[in-house]
Amino acid sequence: MFDSKKITLKLIAWLDDYFQKNAAPETKAVIGISGGKDSSIAAALCVAALGKERVLGVLMPQGSQADIDVSYDLCKALGINYVEINIADPVTNLYTEIENSGMALNTIATFNTPARLRMTTLYAVSGIVSGRVINTCNLSEDWVGYSTKFGDSAGDVSPFSLLTMTEVKAVGRELGLPDRFIDKIPVDGLCGKTDEDNLGFAYEVLDRYIRTGVCADIEIKAKIDRMHEMNLHKVRPMPIFRTDF
């Protein structure tokens, strides 16, 4: 059984140890604050491990963001400093240049490009403040490829990559984060659909399957298996050609 208290204490110690061994005493944890549960809980974890003075939130709306008040409230609740950098113009300018080259944009490009520009933004900020970028992906999302390669799947350190969404939420409760930030329904920010609408199954079903191998619905099981196999390239090291010399 998942021991949320034990894991939370281990996570705090692990993150503190990482920064002690891989960063200067003043190095900040730089984290994209979307208003979603993963970034909110990851930010709370960083505060518990490093102190609020060493955590910098980066809000990156693309134009207007309907739920950006949640991001503001999260930063206020944790007492962390934040910067807001709107990525609307960079995204639009890039799309314009692509179309000017004679290429037509498709949904793959328009879905993933903002995530990659956000990661570029995080590393720019990190470079300015001598920080380390916190990856906020969890095992559930990574299992079925619900992340962008070199986008939100990138980072310098990843506390939740081996924890399911259910387990991450349990950590959030151990950290004392208000339910509002933990139980917020994930929405993709593009078409207004929830993550579970896009996936075609509930995270509860996915998490149970990951941990127990049990999935009562044969079609959903097959879909999860197919998505997992097709997206392993996102979490595995890049293949490299090896020679004998």
C-alpha atoms as a PDB file:
ATOM      1  CA  MET A   1       0.000   0.000   0.000  1.00  0.00           C
ATOM      2  CA  PHE A   2       1.182   3.500  -0.835  1.00  0.00           C
ATOM      3  CA  ASP A   3       2.419   5.256   2.292  1.00  0.00           C
ATOM      4  CA  SER A   4       1.916   8.919   1.401  1.00  0.00           C
ATOM      5  CA  LYS A   5       3.559  10.264   4.546  1.00  0.00           C
ATOM      6  CA  LYS A   6       6.668   8.139   4.148  1.00  0.00           C
ATOM      7  CA  ILE A   7       6.997   8.950   0.446  1.00  0.00           C
ATOM      8  CA  THR A   8       6.475  12.667   1.045  1.00  0.00           C
ATOM      9  CA  LEU A   9       9.245  12.772   3.635  1.00  0.00           C
ATOM     10  CA  LYS A  10      11.528  10.844   1.285  1.00  0.00           C
ATOM     11  CA  LEU A  11      10.706  13.225  -1.577  1.00  0.00           C
ATOM     12  CA  ILE A  12      11.560  16.255   0.551  1.00  0.00           C
ATOM     13  CA  ALA A  13      14.877  14.716   1.626  1.00  0.00           C
ATOM     14  CA  TRP A  14      15.653  13.584  -1.932  1.00  0.00           C
ATOM     15  CA  LEU A  15      15.021  17.011  -3.454  1.00  0.00           C
ATOM     16  CA  ASP A  16      17.028  18.741  -0.740  1.00  0.00           C
ATOM     17  CA  ASP A  17      19.884  16.297  -1.364  1.00  0.00           C
ATOM     18  CA  TYR A  18      19.757  16.920  -5.115  1.00  0.00           C
ATOM     19  CA  PHE A  19      20.120  20.665  -4.653  1.00  0.00           C
ATOM     20  CA  GLN A  20      22.888  20.265  -2.093  1.00  0.00           C
ATOM     21  CA  LYS A  21      24.893  18.077  -4.461  1.00  0.00           C
ATOM     22  CA  ASN A  22      24.083  19.748  -7.791  1.00  0.00           C
ATOM     23  CA  ALA A  23      23.619  23.431  -7.058  1.00  0.00           C
ATOM     24  CA  ALA A  24      24.943  26.394  -5.132  1.00  0.00           C
ATOM     25  CA  PRO A  25      23.247  27.363  -1.846  1.00  0.00           C
ATOM     26  CA  GLU A  26      21.389  30.213  -3.538  1.00  0.00           C
ATOM     27  CA  THR A  27      20.204  28.190  -6.537  1.00  0.00           C
ATOM     28  CA  LYS A  28      16.453  28.411  -7.083  1.00  0.00           C
ATOM     29  CA  ALA A  29      13.948  25.800  -8.149  1.00  0.00           C
ATOM     30  CA  VAL A  30      12.339  27.219 -11.293  1.00  0.00           C
ATOM     31  CA  ILE A  31       8.901  25.799 -11.944  1.00  0.00           C
ATOM     32  CA  GLY A  32       6.203  26.503 -14.487  1.00  0.00           C
ATOM     33  CA  ILE A  33       2.950  27.253 -12.666  1.00  0.00           C
ATOM     34  CA  SER A  34      -0.020  26.291 -14.833  1.00  0.00           C
ATOM     35  CA  GLY A  35      -2.658  26.161 -12.134  1.00  0.00           C
ATOM     36  CA  GLY A  36      -2.883  22.388 -12.532  1.00  0.00           C
ATOM     37  CA  LYS A  37      -2.400  19.880  -9.733  1.00  0.00           C
ATOM     38  CA  ASP A  38       1.027  18.623 -10.816  1.00  0.00           C
ATOM     39  CA  SER A  39       2.748  22.006 -10.906  1.00  0.00           C
ATOM     40  CA  SER A  40       0.951  23.103  -7.742  1.00  0.00           C
ATOM     41  CA  ILE A  41       2.008  20.032  -5.763  1.00  0.00           C
ATOM     42  CA  ALA A  42       5.533  20.140  -7.186  1.00  0.00           C
ATOM     43  CA  ALA A  43       5.825  23.776  -6.113  1.00  0.00           C
ATOM     44  CA  ALA A  44       4.619  22.892  -2.610  1.00  0.00           C
ATOM     45  CA  LEU A  45       7.203  20.109  -2.474  1.00  0.00           C
ATOM     46  CA  CYS A  46       9.978  22.519  -3.485  1.00  0.00           C
ATOM     47  CA  VAL A  47       8.931  24.922  -0.740  1.00  0.00           C
ATOM     48  CA  ALA A  48       8.985  22.113   1.819  1.00  0.00           C
ATOM     49  CA  ALA A  49      12.444  20.990   0.678  1.00  0.00           C
ATOM     50  CA  LEU A  50      14.157  24.309  -0.016  1.00  0.00           C
ATOM     51  CA  GLY A  51      12.124  27.095   1.556  1.00  0.00           C
ATOM     52  CA  LYS A  52       9.896  29.579  -0.253  1.00  0.00           C
ATOM     53  CA  GLU A  53      12.767  32.003  -0.935  1.00  0.00           C
ATOM     54  CA  ARG A  54      14.410  29.458  -3.227  1.00  0.00           C
ATOM     55  CA  VAL A  55      11.352  28.708  -5.364  1.00  0.00           C
ATOM     56  CA  LEU A  56      10.466  30.847  -8.383  1.00  0.00           C
ATOM     57  CA  GLY A  57       7.189  30.300 -10.189  1.00  0.00           C
ATOM     58  CA  VAL A  58       6.884  31.102 -13.886  1.00  0.00           C
ATOM     59  CA  LEU A  59       3.402  31.756 -15.248  1.00  0.00           C
ATOM     60  CA  MET A  60       3.224  31.396 -19.031  1.00  0.00           C
ATOM     61  CA  PRO A  61      -0.252  32.091 -20.400  1.00  0.00           C
ATOM     62  CA  GLN A  62      -0.780  32.020 -24.149  1.00  0.00           C
ATOM     63  CA  GLY A  63      -2.810  35.180 -24.530  1.00  0.00           C
ATOM     64  CA  SER A  64      -5.606  35.072 -21.974  1.00  0.00           C
ATOM     65  CA  GLN A  65      -5.960  32.130 -19.593  1.00  0.00           C
ATOM     66  CA  ALA A  66      -9.359  31.578 -18.016  1.00  0.00           C
ATOM     67  CA  ASP A  67      -8.028  29.920 -14.863  1.00  0.00           C
ATOM     68  CA  ILE A  68      -4.866  31.954 -14.327  1.00  0.00           C
ATOM     69  CA  ASP A  69      -6.299  33.161 -11.010  1.00  0.00           C
ATOM     70  CA  VAL A  70      -5.555  29.675  -9.674  1.00  0.00           C
ATOM     71  CA  SER A  71      -1.871  30.193 -10.488  1.00  0.00           C
ATOM     72  CA  TYR A  72      -1.856  33.565  -8.724  1.00  0.00           C
ATOM     73  CA  ASP A  73      -3.579  32.067  -5.694  1.00  0.00           C
ATOM     74  CA  LEU A  74      -1.152  29.134  -5.578  1.00  0.00           C
ATOM     75  CA  CYS A  75       1.882  31.431  -5.547  1.00  0.00           C
ATOM     76  CA  LYS A  76       0.264  33.547  -2.844  1.00  0.00           C
ATOM     77  CA  ALA A  77      -0.672  30.503  -0.749  1.00  0.00           C
ATOM     78  CA  LEU A  78       2.894  29.176  -0.903  1.00  0.00           C
ATOM     79  CA  GLY A  79       4.455  32.609  -0.457  1.00  0.00           C
ATOM     80  CA  ILE A  80       6.693  32.220  -3.510  1.00  0.00           C
ATOM     81  CA  ASN A  81       7.814  34.894  -5.936  1.00  0.00           C
ATOM     82  CA  TYR A  82       6.738  34.559  -9.543  1.00  0.00           C
ATOM     83  CA  VAL A  83       7.136  36.136 -12.946  1.00  0.00           C
ATOM     84  CA  GLU A  84       4.531  36.166 -15.707  1.00  0.00           C
ATOM     85  CA  ILE A  85       5.693  35.807 -19.298  1.00  0.00           C
ATOM     86  CA  ASN A  86       3.024  35.664 -21.988  1.00  0.00           C
ATOM     87  CA  ILE A  87       4.013  33.369 -24.851  1.00  0.00           C
ATOM     88  CA  ALA A  88       1.237  34.443 -27.263  1.00  0.00           C
ATOM     89  CA  ASP A  89       3.439  36.621 -29.494  1.00  0.00           C
ATOM     90  CA  PRO A  90       6.343  34.149 -29.782  1.00  0.00           C
ATOM     91  CA  VAL A  91       3.914  31.338 -30.682  1.00  0.00           C
ATOM     92  CA  THR A  92       2.088  33.469 -33.249  1.00  0.00           C
ATOM     93  CA  ASN A  93       5.308  34.762 -34.775  1.00  0.00           C
ATOM     94  CA  LEU A  94       6.693  31.244 -35.130  1.00  0.00           C
ATOM     95  CA  TYR A  95       3.480  29.990 -36.737  1.00  0.00           C
ATOM     96  CA  THR A  96       3.568  32.921 -39.158  1.00  0.00           C
ATOM     97  CA  GLU A  97       7.164  32.194 -40.162  1.00  0.00           C
ATOM     98  CA  ILE A  98       6.355  28.515 -40.665  1.00  0.00           C
ATOM     99  CA  GLU A  99       3.402  29.361 -42.904  1.00  0.00           C
ATOM    100  CA  ASN A 100       5.500  31.957 -44.769  1.00  0.00           C
ATOM    101  CA  SER A 101       7.928  29.157 -45.587  1.00  0.00           C
ATOM    102  CA  GLY A 102       5.151  27.410 -47.504  1.00  0.00           C
ATOM    103  CA  MET A 103       4.385  24.787 -44.876  1.00  0.00           C
ATOM    104  CA  ALA A 104       0.889  24.236 -43.491  1.00  0.00           C
ATOM    105  CA  LEU A 105       0.449  23.908 -39.745  1.00  0.00           C
ATOM    106  CA  ASN A 106      -1.302  20.849 -38.347  1.00  0.00           C
ATOM    107  CA  THR A 107      -2.657  19.867 -34.940  1.00  0.00           C
ATOM    108  CA  ILE A 108       0.543  18.055 -33.957  1.00  0.00           C
ATOM    109  CA  ALA A 109       2.548  21.243 -34.412  1.00  0.00           C
ATOM    110  CA  THR A 110       0.021  23.528 -32.768  1.00  0.00           C
ATOM    111  CA  PHE A 111      -0.484  21.192 -29.804  1.00  0.00           C
ATOM    112  CA  ASN A 112       3.199  20.682 -28.996  1.00  0.00           C
ATOM    113  CA  THR A 113       4.843  23.963 -29.957  1.00  0.00           C
ATOM    114  CA  PRO A 114       3.487  26.045 -27.039  1.00  0.00           C
ATOM    115  CA  ALA A 115       4.726  23.403 -24.575  1.00  0.00           C
ATOM    116  CA  ARG A 116       8.201  23.548 -26.111  1.00  0.00           C
ATOM    117  CA  LEU A 117       8.241  27.334 -26.055  1.00  0.00           C
ATOM    118  CA  ARG A 118       7.243  27.219 -22.404  1.00  0.00           C
ATOM    119  CA  MET A 119      10.187  24.957 -21.677  1.00  0.00           C
ATOM    120  CA  THR A 120      12.465  27.327 -23.604  1.00  0.00           C
ATOM    121  CA  THR A 121      11.107  30.129 -21.431  1.00  0.00           C
ATOM    122  CA  LEU A 122      11.747  28.165 -18.232  1.00  0.00           C
ATOM    123  CA  TYR A 123      15.363  27.555 -19.207  1.00  0.00           C
ATOM    124  CA  ALA A 124      15.829  31.208 -20.132  1.00  0.00           C
ATOM    125  CA  VAL A 125      14.565  32.224 -16.698  1.00  0.00           C
ATOM    126  CA  SER A 126      16.622  29.482 -15.080  1.00  0.00           C
ATOM    127  CA  GLY A 127      19.738  30.802 -16.794  1.00  0.00           C
ATOM    128  CA  ILE A 128      19.044  34.307 -15.533  1.00  0.00           C
ATOM    129  CA  VAL A 129      18.586  33.260 -11.904  1.00  0.00           C
ATOM    130  CA  SER A 130      21.026  30.321 -11.920  1.00  0.00           C
ATOM    131  CA  GLY A 131      18.194  27.903 -11.299  1.00  0.00           C
ATOM    132  CA  ARG A 132      17.204  24.286 -11.864  1.00  0.00           C
ATOM    133  CA  VAL A 133      14.052  23.519 -13.822  1.00  0.00           C
ATOM    134  CA  ILE A 134      11.585  21.235 -12.063  1.00  0.00           C
ATOM    135  CA  ASN A 135       9.856  18.647 -14.230  1.00  0.00           C
ATOM    136  CA  THR A 136       6.249  18.209 -13.099  1.00  0.00           C
ATOM    137  CA  CYS A 137       5.146  15.162 -15.123  1.00  0.00           C
ATOM    138  CA  ASN A 138       3.771  12.129 -13.326  1.00  0.00           C
ATOM    139  CA  LEU A 139       3.864   8.411 -14.137  1.00  0.00           C
ATOM    140  CA  SER A 140       0.251   8.312 -15.322  1.00  0.00           C
ATOM    141  CA  GLU A 141       0.811  10.975 -17.989  1.00  0.00           C
ATOM    142  CA  ASP A 142       4.164   9.538 -19.037  1.00  0.00           C
ATOM    143  CA  TRP A 143       2.724   6.008 -19.229  1.00  0.00           C
ATOM    144  CA  VAL A 144       0.378   6.942 -22.064  1.00  0.00           C
ATOM    145  CA  GLY A 145       2.486   9.701 -23.598  1.00  0.00           C
ATOM    146  CA  TYR A 146       0.302  12.563 -22.428  1.00  0.00           C
ATOM    147  CA  SER A 147       3.201  14.991 -22.444  1.00  0.00           C
ATOM    148  CA  THR A 148       5.301  16.824 -25.017  1.00  0.00           C
ATOM    149  CA  LYS A 149       8.768  15.545 -25.794  1.00  0.00           C
ATOM    150  CA  PHE A 150      11.281  18.333 -25.055  1.00  0.00           C
ATOM    151  CA  GLY A 151       8.341  20.306 -23.660  1.00  0.00           C
ATOM    152  CA  ASP A 152       6.761  19.591 -20.295  1.00  0.00           C
ATOM    153  CA  SER A 153       8.595  16.243 -20.246  1.00  0.00           C
ATOM    154  CA  ALA A 154      11.947  18.060 -19.944  1.00  0.00           C
ATOM    155  CA  GLY A 155      13.634  19.453 -16.841  1.00  0.00           C
ATOM    156  CA  ASP A 156      16.638  19.091 -14.561  1.00  0.00           C
ATOM    157  CA  VAL A 157      15.021  17.033 -11.826  1.00  0.00           C
ATOM    158  CA  SER A 158      11.760  15.079 -11.746  1.00  0.00           C
ATOM    159  CA  PRO A 159      10.149  14.223  -8.403  1.00  0.00           C
ATOM    160  CA  PHE A 160       6.945  12.605  -9.694  1.00  0.00           C
ATOM    161  CA  SER A 161       7.971  10.541 -12.723  1.00  0.00           C
ATOM    162  CA  LEU A 162       7.487   7.264 -10.820  1.00  0.00           C
ATOM    163  CA  LEU A 163       4.317   8.299  -8.982  1.00  0.00           C
ATOM    164  CA  THR A 164       0.823   7.952 -10.433  1.00  0.00           C
ATOM    165  CA  MET A 165      -1.539  10.897 -10.440  1.00  0.00           C
ATOM    166  CA  THR A 166      -3.427   9.346  -7.532  1.00  0.00           C
ATOM    167  CA  GLU A 167      -0.196   9.116  -5.538  1.00  0.00           C
ATOM    168  CA  VAL A 168       0.873  12.668  -6.428  1.00  0.00           C
ATOM    169  CA  LYS A 169      -2.449  13.948  -5.106  1.00  0.00           C
ATOM    170  CA  ALA A 170      -1.847  12.044  -1.869  1.00  0.00           C
ATOM    171  CA  VAL A 171       1.542  13.763  -1.555  1.00  0.00           C
ATOM    172  CA  GLY A 172      -0.171  17.113  -2.054  1.00  0.00           C
ATOM    173  CA  ARG A 173      -2.469  16.395   0.870  1.00  0.00           C
ATOM    174  CA  GLU A 174       0.493  15.400   3.058  1.00  0.00           C
ATOM    175  CA  LEU A 175       2.100  18.726   2.196  1.00  0.00           C
ATOM    176  CA  GLY A 176      -1.006  20.513   3.436  1.00  0.00           C
ATOM    177  CA  LEU A 177      -1.954  21.998   0.084  1.00  0.00           C
ATOM    178  CA  PRO A 178      -5.603  23.127  -0.031  1.00  0.00           C
ATOM    179  CA  ASP A 179      -7.987  20.785  -1.873  1.00  0.00           C
ATOM    180  CA  ARG A 180      -8.674  23.475  -4.459  1.00  0.00           C
ATOM    181  CA  PHE A 181      -5.215  23.001  -5.926  1.00  0.00           C
ATOM    182  CA  ILE A 182      -5.171  19.212  -5.630  1.00  0.00           C
ATOM    183  CA  ASP A 183      -8.586  18.352  -7.046  1.00  0.00           C
ATOM    184  CA  LYS A 184      -8.653  20.818  -9.942  1.00  0.00           C
ATOM    185  CA  ILE A 185      -9.819  18.985 -13.069  1.00  0.00           C
ATOM    186  CA  PRO A 186      -7.057  19.026 -15.712  1.00  0.00           C
ATOM    187  CA  VAL A 187      -8.036  20.791 -18.946  1.00  0.00           C
ATOM    188  CA  ASP A 188      -5.802  20.834 -22.034  1.00  0.00           C
ATOM    189  CA  GLY A 189      -6.071  24.611 -22.534  1.00  0.00           C
ATOM    190  CA  LEU A 190      -6.631  24.219 -26.276  1.00  0.00           C
ATOM    191  CA  CYS A 191     -10.046  22.750 -26.986  1.00  0.00           C
ATOM    192  CA  GLY A 192     -11.456  23.065 -23.484  1.00  0.00           C
ATOM    193  CA  LYS A 193     -11.699  19.312 -22.979  1.00  0.00           C
ATOM    194  CA  THR A 194     -10.488  17.613 -19.828  1.00  0.00           C
ATOM    195  CA  ASP A 195      -7.462  15.338 -19.967  1.00  0.00           C
ATOM    196  CA  GLU A 196      -9.699  12.348 -19.338  1.00  0.00           C
ATOM    197  CA  ASP A 197     -11.999  13.367 -22.224  1.00  0.00           C
ATOM    198  CA  ASN A 198      -9.000  13.436 -24.536  1.00  0.00           C
ATOM    199  CA  LEU A 199      -7.603  10.153 -23.245  1.00  0.00           C
ATOM    200  CA  GLY A 200     -10.899   8.303 -23.326  1.00  0.00           C
ATOM    201  CA  PHE A 201     -10.572   6.859 -19.829  1.00  0.00           C
ATOM    202  CA  ALA A 202     -10.289   8.014 -16.235  1.00  0.00           C
ATOM    203  CA  TYR A 203      -6.975   8.426 -14.439  1.00  0.00           C
ATOM    204  CA  GLU A 204      -8.362   6.230 -11.679  1.00  0.00           C
ATOM    205  CA  VAL A 205      -8.677   3.382 -14.199  1.00  0.00           C
ATOM    206  CA  LEU A 206      -5.204   4.043 -15.591  1.00  0.00           C
ATOM    207  CA  ASP A 207      -3.577   4.242 -12.156  1.00  0.00           C
ATOM    208  CA  ARG A 208      -5.159   0.988 -11.031  1.00  0.00           C
ATOM    209  CA  TYR A 209      -3.931  -0.724 -14.193  1.00  0.00           C
ATOM    210  CA  ILE A 210      -0.397   0.635 -13.753  1.00  0.00           C
ATOM    211  CA  ARG A 211      -0.148  -0.573 -10.157  1.00  0.00           C
ATOM    212  CA  THR A 212      -2.130  -3.837 -10.307  1.00  0.00           C
ATOM    213  CA  GLY A 213      -2.276  -4.843 -13.966  1.00  0.00           C
ATOM    214  CA  VAL A 214      -6.059  -5.008 -13.652  1.00  0.00           C
ATOM    215  CA  CYS A 215      -8.387  -3.299 -16.124  1.00  0.00           C
ATOM    216  CA  ALA A 216     -11.904  -4.663 -16.427  1.00  0.00           C
ATOM    217  CA  ASP A 217     -12.627  -3.007 -19.769  1.00  0.00           C
ATOM    218  CA  ILE A 218     -10.794  -4.963 -22.495  1.00  0.00           C
ATOM    219  CA  GLU A 219     -10.989  -2.117 -25.012  1.00  0.00           C
ATOM    220  CA  ILE A 220      -9.587   0.442 -22.568  1.00  0.00           C
ATOM    221  CA  LYS A 221      -6.812  -1.981 -21.585  1.00  0.00           C
ATOM    222  CA  ALA A 222      -5.875  -2.411 -25.233  1.00  0.00           C
ATOM    223  CA  LYS A 223      -5.908   1.352 -25.755  1.00  0.00           C
ATOM    224  CA  ILE A 224      -3.664   1.971 -22.732  1.00  0.00           C
ATOM    225  CA  ASP A 225      -1.249  -0.736 -23.891  1.00  0.00           C
ATOM    226  CA  ARG A 226      -1.134   0.725 -27.396  1.00  0.00           C
ATOM    227  CA  MET A 227      -0.557   4.283 -26.172  1.00  0.00           C
ATOM    228  CA  HIS A 228       2.138   3.091 -23.766  1.00  0.00           C
ATOM    229  CA  GLU A 229       4.028   1.211 -26.468  1.00  0.00           C
ATOM    230  CA  MET A 230       3.779   4.018 -29.009  1.00  0.00           C
ATOM    231  CA  ASN A 231       5.029   6.668 -26.593  1.00  0.00           C
ATOM    232  CA  LEU A 232       7.929   4.922 -24.879  1.00  0.00           C
ATOM    233  CA  HIS A 233      10.289   7.031 -26.999  1.00  0.00           C
ATOM    234  CA  LYS A 234       9.280  10.054 -24.927  1.00  0.00           C
ATOM    235  CA  VAL A 235      10.697   8.655 -21.700  1.00  0.00           C
ATOM    236  CA  ARG A 236      13.600   6.572 -22.968  1.00  0.00           C
ATOM    237  CA  PRO A 237      17.049   7.998 -23.712  1.00  0.00           C
ATOM    238  CA  MET A 238      17.565   8.981 -27.330  1.00  0.00           C
ATOM    239  CA  PRO A 239      18.975   6.041 -29.332  1.00  0.00           C
ATOM    240  CA  ILE A 240      22.586   6.613 -30.370  1.00  0.00           C
ATOM    241  CA  PHE A 241      24.700   4.789 -32.921  1.00  0.00           C
ATOM    242  CA  ARG A 242      27.585   2.960 -31.271  1.00  0.00           C
ATOM    243  CA  THR A 243      30.795   1.913 -32.993  1.00  0.00           C
ATOM    244  CA  ASP A 244      33.599  -0.446 -32.068  1.00  0.00           C
ATOM    245  CA  PHE A 245      36.310   2.180 -32.390  1.00  0.00           C
END
